[in-house]
Amino acid sequence: MPNGKPAGVRCVQLADDNRCLVFGRPERPAFCGGLQPSAEMCGTDRAWAIRWLDALEKATAP
């Protein structure tokens, strides 16, 4: 996604099982590499983490 990923749009670099297809590769966006998960962000399950990421996207949308 050359101009960044818009809020609410699934990243084109995610596989069907939600693994990042560019993890550890030079083309991985700096934002993704700089995102440091925390217990607050991850919560107790995937649904919690997705809600947290959705809120982050909304809070940082232009």
PDB file of N, CA and C in Angstrom:
ATOM      1  N   MET A   1       0.856  -1.157   0.000  1.00  0.00           N
ATOM      2  CA  MET A   1       0.000   0.000   0.000  1.00  0.00           C
ATOM      3  C   MET A   1       0.915   1.236   0.000  1.00  0.00           C
ATOM      4  N   PRO A   2       1.264   1.705  -1.187  1.00  0.00           N
ATOM      5  CA  PRO A   2       2.271   2.756  -1.316  1.00  0.00           C
ATOM      6  C   PRO A   2       1.948   4.058  -0.580  1.00  0.00           C
ATOM      7  N   ASN A   3       0.694   4.387  -0.427  1.00  0.00           N
ATOM      8  CA  ASN A   3       0.323   5.635   0.254  1.00  0.00           C
ATOM      9  C   ASN A   3      -0.179   5.387   1.667  1.00  0.00           C
ATOM     10  N   GLY A   4       0.127   4.235   2.219  1.00  0.00           N
ATOM     11  CA  GLY A   4      -0.329   3.895   3.565  1.00  0.00           C
ATOM     12  C   GLY A   4      -1.659   3.164   3.528  1.00  0.00           C
ATOM     13  N   LYS A   5      -2.030   2.596   4.663  1.00  0.00           N
ATOM     14  CA  LYS A   5      -3.278   1.844   4.759  1.00  0.00           C
ATOM     15  C   LYS A   5      -4.347   2.733   5.378  1.00  0.00           C
ATOM     16  N   PRO A   6      -5.434   2.979   4.663  1.00  0.00           N
ATOM     17  CA  PRO A   6      -6.517   3.765   5.248  1.00  0.00           C
ATOM     18  C   PRO A   6      -7.159   3.031   6.428  1.00  0.00           C
ATOM     19  N   ALA A   7      -7.651   3.781   7.381  1.00  0.00           N
ATOM     20  CA  ALA A   7      -8.338   3.194   8.534  1.00  0.00           C
ATOM     21  C   ALA A   7      -9.508   2.343   8.053  1.00  0.00           C
ATOM     22  N   GLY A   8      -9.676   1.186   8.662  1.00  0.00           N
ATOM     23  CA  GLY A   8     -10.796   0.310   8.342  1.00  0.00           C
ATOM     24  C   GLY A   8     -10.581  -0.588   7.138  1.00  0.00           C
ATOM     25  N   VAL A   9      -9.450  -0.458   6.471  1.00  0.00           N
ATOM     26  CA  VAL A   9      -9.149  -1.284   5.300  1.00  0.00           C
ATOM     27  C   VAL A   9      -8.156  -2.362   5.719  1.00  0.00           C
ATOM     28  N   ARG A  10      -8.441  -3.593   5.354  1.00  0.00           N
ATOM     29  CA  ARG A  10      -7.539  -4.695   5.687  1.00  0.00           C
ATOM     30  C   ARG A  10      -6.222  -4.519   4.939  1.00  0.00           C
ATOM     31  N   CYS A  11      -5.134  -4.753   5.614  1.00  0.00           N
ATOM     32  CA  CYS A  11      -3.818  -4.641   4.994  1.00  0.00           C
ATOM     33  C   CYS A  11      -3.676  -5.702   3.904  1.00  0.00           C
ATOM     34  N   VAL A  12      -3.166  -5.293   2.762  1.00  0.00           N
ATOM     35  CA  VAL A  12      -2.995  -6.231   1.647  1.00  0.00           C
ATOM     36  C   VAL A  12      -1.882  -7.233   1.915  1.00  0.00           C
ATOM     37  N   GLN A  13      -1.071  -6.979   2.932  1.00  0.00           N
ATOM     38  CA  GLN A  13       0.043  -7.872   3.261  1.00  0.00           C
ATOM     39  C   GLN A  13      -0.328  -8.938   4.287  1.00  0.00           C
ATOM     40  N   LEU A  14      -1.612  -9.056   4.626  1.00  0.00           N
ATOM     41  CA  LEU A  14      -2.039 -10.097   5.563  1.00  0.00           C
ATOM     42  C   LEU A  14      -2.482 -11.340   4.803  1.00  0.00           C
ATOM     43  N   ALA A  15      -1.976 -12.481   5.225  1.00  0.00           N
ATOM     44  CA  ALA A  15      -2.406 -13.760   4.651  1.00  0.00           C
ATOM     45  C   ALA A  15      -3.799 -14.092   5.194  1.00  0.00           C
ATOM     46  N   ASP A  16      -4.421 -15.110   4.642  1.00  0.00           N
ATOM     47  CA  ASP A  16      -5.752 -15.518   5.104  1.00  0.00           C
ATOM     48  C   ASP A  16      -5.771 -15.866   6.586  1.00  0.00           C
ATOM     49  N   ASP A  17      -4.640 -16.335   7.112  1.00  0.00           N
ATOM     50  CA  ASP A  17      -4.576 -16.690   8.536  1.00  0.00           C
ATOM     51  C   ASP A  17      -4.056 -15.523   9.390  1.00  0.00           C
ATOM     52  N   ASN A  18      -4.047 -14.311   8.807  1.00  0.00           N
ATOM     53  CA  ASN A  18      -3.656 -13.060   9.476  1.00  0.00           C
ATOM     54  C   ASN A  18      -2.166 -12.926   9.750  1.00  0.00           C
ATOM     55  N   ARG A  19      -1.342 -13.780   9.181  1.00  0.00           N
ATOM     56  CA  ARG A  19       0.111 -13.595   9.305  1.00  0.00           C
ATOM     57  C   ARG A  19       0.551 -12.504   8.341  1.00  0.00           C
ATOM     58  N   CYS A  20       1.536 -11.716   8.774  1.00  0.00           N
ATOM     59  CA  CYS A  20       2.090 -10.658   7.930  1.00  0.00           C
ATOM     60  C   CYS A  20       3.012 -11.288   6.887  1.00  0.00           C
ATOM     61  N   LEU A  21       2.750 -11.005   5.624  1.00  0.00           N
ATOM     62  CA  LEU A  21       3.540 -11.587   4.538  1.00  0.00           C
ATOM     63  C   LEU A  21       4.879 -10.882   4.332  1.00  0.00           C
ATOM     64  N   VAL A  22       5.078  -9.715   4.961  1.00  0.00           N
ATOM     65  CA  VAL A  22       6.341  -8.989   4.804  1.00  0.00           C
ATOM     66  C   VAL A  22       7.093  -8.869   6.123  1.00  0.00           C
ATOM     67  N   PHE A  23       6.705  -9.644   7.127  1.00  0.00           N
ATOM     68  CA  PHE A  23       7.383  -9.601   8.423  1.00  0.00           C
ATOM     69  C   PHE A  23       8.856  -9.954   8.249  1.00  0.00           C
ATOM     70  N   GLY A  24       9.732  -9.110   8.810  1.00  0.00           N
ATOM     71  CA  GLY A  24      11.165  -9.356   8.727  1.00  0.00           C
ATOM     72  C   GLY A  24      11.801  -8.988   7.401  1.00  0.00           C
ATOM     73  N   ARG A  25      11.025  -8.423   6.492  1.00  0.00           N
ATOM     74  CA  ARG A  25      11.552  -8.051   5.176  1.00  0.00           C
ATOM     75  C   ARG A  25      11.721  -6.535   5.100  1.00  0.00           C
ATOM     76  N   PRO A  26      12.629  -6.055   4.268  1.00  0.00           N
ATOM     77  CA  PRO A  26      12.889  -4.614   4.193  1.00  0.00           C
ATOM     78  C   PRO A  26      11.684  -3.787   3.752  1.00  0.00           C
ATOM     79  N   GLU A  27      10.773  -4.377   3.000  1.00  0.00           N
ATOM     80  CA  GLU A  27       9.613  -3.616   2.519  1.00  0.00           C
ATOM     81  C   GLU A  27       8.506  -3.467   3.566  1.00  0.00           C
ATOM     82  N   ARG A  28       8.682  -4.081   4.717  1.00  0.00           N
ATOM     83  CA  ARG A  28       7.691  -3.933   5.793  1.00  0.00           C
ATOM     84  C   ARG A  28       7.651  -2.465   6.225  1.00  0.00           C
ATOM     85  N   PRO A  29       6.457  -1.858   6.295  1.00  0.00           N
ATOM     86  CA  PRO A  29       6.357  -0.445   6.672  1.00  0.00           C
ATOM     87  C   PRO A  29       6.956  -0.175   8.055  1.00  0.00           C
ATOM     88  N   ALA A  30       7.591   0.979   8.189  1.00  0.00           N
ATOM     89  CA  ALA A  30       8.215   1.362   9.460  1.00  0.00           C
ATOM     90  C   ALA A  30       7.188   1.396  10.586  1.00  0.00           C
ATOM     91  N   PHE A  31       5.963   1.826  10.284  1.00  0.00           N
ATOM     92  CA  PHE A  31       4.934   1.873  11.324  1.00  0.00           C
ATOM     93  C   PHE A  31       4.711   0.491  11.919  1.00  0.00           C
ATOM     94  N   CYS A  32       4.602  -0.499  11.074  1.00  0.00           N
ATOM     95  CA  CYS A  32       4.354  -1.864  11.555  1.00  0.00           C
ATOM     96  C   CYS A  32       5.512  -2.357  12.411  1.00  0.00           C
ATOM     97  N   GLY A  33       6.725  -2.078  11.961  1.00  0.00           N
ATOM     98  CA  GLY A  33       7.899  -2.494  12.719  1.00  0.00           C
ATOM     99  C   GLY A  33       8.009  -1.785  14.054  1.00  0.00           C
ATOM    100  N   GLY A  34       7.479  -0.567  14.122  1.00  0.00           N
ATOM    101  CA  GLY A  34       7.562   0.214  15.351  1.00  0.00           C
ATOM    102  C   GLY A  34       6.429  -0.040  16.321  1.00  0.00           C
ATOM    103  N   LEU A  35       5.396  -0.740  15.879  1.00  0.00           N
ATOM    104  CA  LEU A  35       4.255  -1.016  16.754  1.00  0.00           C
ATOM    105  C   LEU A  35       4.660  -2.064  17.784  1.00  0.00           C
ATOM    106  N   GLN A  36       4.648  -1.684  19.036  1.00  0.00           N
ATOM    107  CA  GLN A  36       5.060  -2.582  20.112  1.00  0.00           C
ATOM    108  C   GLN A  36       3.836  -3.049  20.898  1.00  0.00           C
ATOM    109  N   PRO A  37       3.405  -4.287  20.713  1.00  0.00           N
ATOM    110  CA  PRO A  37       2.248  -4.795  21.442  1.00  0.00           C
ATOM    111  C   PRO A  37       2.480  -4.743  22.952  1.00  0.00           C
ATOM    112  N   SER A  38       1.407  -4.524  23.674  1.00  0.00           N
ATOM    113  CA  SER A  38       1.460  -4.504  25.134  1.00  0.00           C
ATOM    114  C   SER A  38       0.308  -5.357  25.659  1.00  0.00           C
ATOM    115  N   ALA A  39       0.330  -5.649  26.940  1.00  0.00           N
ATOM    116  CA  ALA A  39      -0.760  -6.426  27.542  1.00  0.00           C
ATOM    117  C   ALA A  39      -2.083  -5.689  27.370  1.00  0.00           C
ATOM    118  N   GLU A  40      -2.056  -4.364  27.488  1.00  0.00           N
ATOM    119  CA  GLU A  40      -3.274  -3.562  27.312  1.00  0.00           C
ATOM    120  C   GLU A  40      -3.810  -3.701  25.890  1.00  0.00           C
ATOM    121  N   MET A  41      -2.921  -3.693  24.926  1.00  0.00           N
ATOM    122  CA  MET A  41      -3.319  -3.790  23.524  1.00  0.00           C
ATOM    123  C   MET A  41      -3.838  -5.186  23.184  1.00  0.00           C
ATOM    124  N   CYS A  42      -3.133  -6.205  23.623  1.00  0.00           N
ATOM    125  CA  CYS A  42      -3.473  -7.581  23.243  1.00  0.00           C
ATOM    126  C   CYS A  42      -4.643  -8.151  24.031  1.00  0.00           C
ATOM    127  N   GLY A  43      -4.816  -7.705  25.276  1.00  0.00           N
ATOM    128  CA  GLY A  43      -5.920  -8.215  26.081  1.00  0.00           C
ATOM    129  C   GLY A  43      -5.825  -9.713  26.289  1.00  0.00           C
ATOM    130  N   THR A  44      -6.966 -10.354  26.326  1.00  0.00           N
ATOM    131  CA  THR A  44      -7.000 -11.791  26.594  1.00  0.00           C
ATOM    132  C   THR A  44      -7.324 -12.635  25.366  1.00  0.00           C
ATOM    133  N   ASP A  45      -7.703 -11.969  24.266  1.00  0.00           N
ATOM    134  CA  ASP A  45      -8.041 -12.738  23.068  1.00  0.00           C
ATOM    135  C   ASP A  45      -7.938 -11.864  21.818  1.00  0.00           C
ATOM    136  N   ARG A  46      -8.087 -12.494  20.677  1.00  0.00           N
ATOM    137  CA  ARG A  46      -7.964 -11.797  19.394  1.00  0.00           C
ATOM    138  C   ARG A  46      -9.002 -10.695  19.245  1.00  0.00           C
ATOM    139  N   ALA A  47     -10.230 -10.946  19.679  1.00  0.00           N
ATOM    140  CA  ALA A  47     -11.297  -9.950  19.554  1.00  0.00           C
ATOM    141  C   ALA A  47     -10.922  -8.660  20.279  1.00  0.00           C
ATOM    142  N   TRP A  48     -10.335  -8.792  21.478  1.00  0.00           N
ATOM    143  CA  TRP A  48      -9.904  -7.610  22.233  1.00  0.00           C
ATOM    144  C   TRP A  48      -8.857  -6.834  21.422  1.00  0.00           C
ATOM    145  N   ALA A  49      -7.857  -7.546  20.893  1.00  0.00           N
ATOM    146  CA  ALA A  49      -6.779  -6.900  20.142  1.00  0.00           C
ATOM    147  C   ALA A  49      -7.319  -6.186  18.906  1.00  0.00           C
ATOM    148  N   ILE A  50      -8.263  -6.806  18.215  1.00  0.00           N
ATOM    149  CA  ILE A  50      -8.846  -6.183  17.023  1.00  0.00           C
ATOM    150  C   ILE A  50      -9.609  -4.923  17.403  1.00  0.00           C
ATOM    151  N   ARG A  51     -10.367  -4.948  18.494  1.00  0.00           N
ATOM    152  CA  ARG A  51     -11.079  -3.742  18.950  1.00  0.00           C
ATOM    153  C   ARG A  51     -10.087  -2.633  19.274  1.00  0.00           C
ATOM    154  N   TRP A  52      -8.975  -2.982  19.916  1.00  0.00           N
ATOM    155  CA  TRP A  52      -7.952  -1.996  20.270  1.00  0.00           C
ATOM    156  C   TRP A  52      -7.356  -1.374  19.008  1.00  0.00           C
ATOM    157  N   LEU A  53      -7.037  -2.220  18.026  1.00  0.00           N
ATOM    158  CA  LEU A  53      -6.480  -1.710  16.772  1.00  0.00           C
ATOM    159  C   LEU A  53      -7.491  -0.847  16.020  1.00  0.00           C
ATOM    160  N   ASP A  54      -8.762  -1.237  16.034  1.00  0.00           N
ATOM    161  CA  ASP A  54      -9.807  -0.420  15.403  1.00  0.00           C
ATOM    162  C   ASP A  54      -9.872   0.960  16.048  1.00  0.00           C
ATOM    163  N   ALA A  55      -9.809   1.003  17.376  1.00  0.00           N
ATOM    164  CA  ALA A  55      -9.844   2.284  18.090  1.00  0.00           C
ATOM    165  C   ALA A  55      -8.610   3.118  17.744  1.00  0.00           C
ATOM    166  N   LEU A  56      -7.449   2.476  17.637  1.00  0.00           N
ATOM    167  CA  LEU A  56      -6.222   3.184  17.272  1.00  0.00           C
ATOM    168  C   LEU A  56      -6.349   3.781  15.873  1.00  0.00           C
ATOM    169  N   GLU A  57      -6.894   3.014  14.938  1.00  0.00           N
ATOM    170  CA  GLU A  57      -7.076   3.516  13.576  1.00  0.00           C
ATOM    171  C   GLU A  57      -8.008   4.720  13.557  1.00  0.00           C
ATOM    172  N   LYS A  58      -9.124   4.636  14.285  1.00  0.00           N
ATOM    173  CA  LYS A  58     -10.077   5.755  14.320  1.00  0.00           C
ATOM    174  C   LYS A  58      -9.448   6.989  14.954  1.00  0.00           C
ATOM    175  N   ALA A  59      -8.669   6.789  15.998  1.00  0.00           N
ATOM    176  CA  ALA A  59      -8.046   7.915  16.705  1.00  0.00           C
ATOM    177  C   ALA A  59      -6.972   8.600  15.865  1.00  0.00           C
ATOM    178  N   THR A  60      -6.393   7.880  14.912  1.00  0.00           N
ATOM    179  CA  THR A  60      -5.303   8.454  14.120  1.00  0.00           C
ATOM    180  C   THR A  60      -5.702   8.732  12.673  1.00  0.00           C
ATOM    181  N   ALA A  61      -6.983   8.539  12.342  1.00  0.00           N
ATOM    182  CA  ALA A  61      -7.451   8.807  10.981  1.00  0.00           C
ATOM    183  C   ALA A  61      -7.422  10.314  10.706  1.00  0.00           C
ATOM    184  N   PRO A  62      -7.104  10.697   9.475  1.00  0.00           N
ATOM    185  CA  PRO A  62      -7.080  12.136   9.142  1.00  0.00           C
ATOM    186  C   PRO A  62      -8.464  12.760   9.190  1.00  0.00           C
TER     187      PRO A  62
END
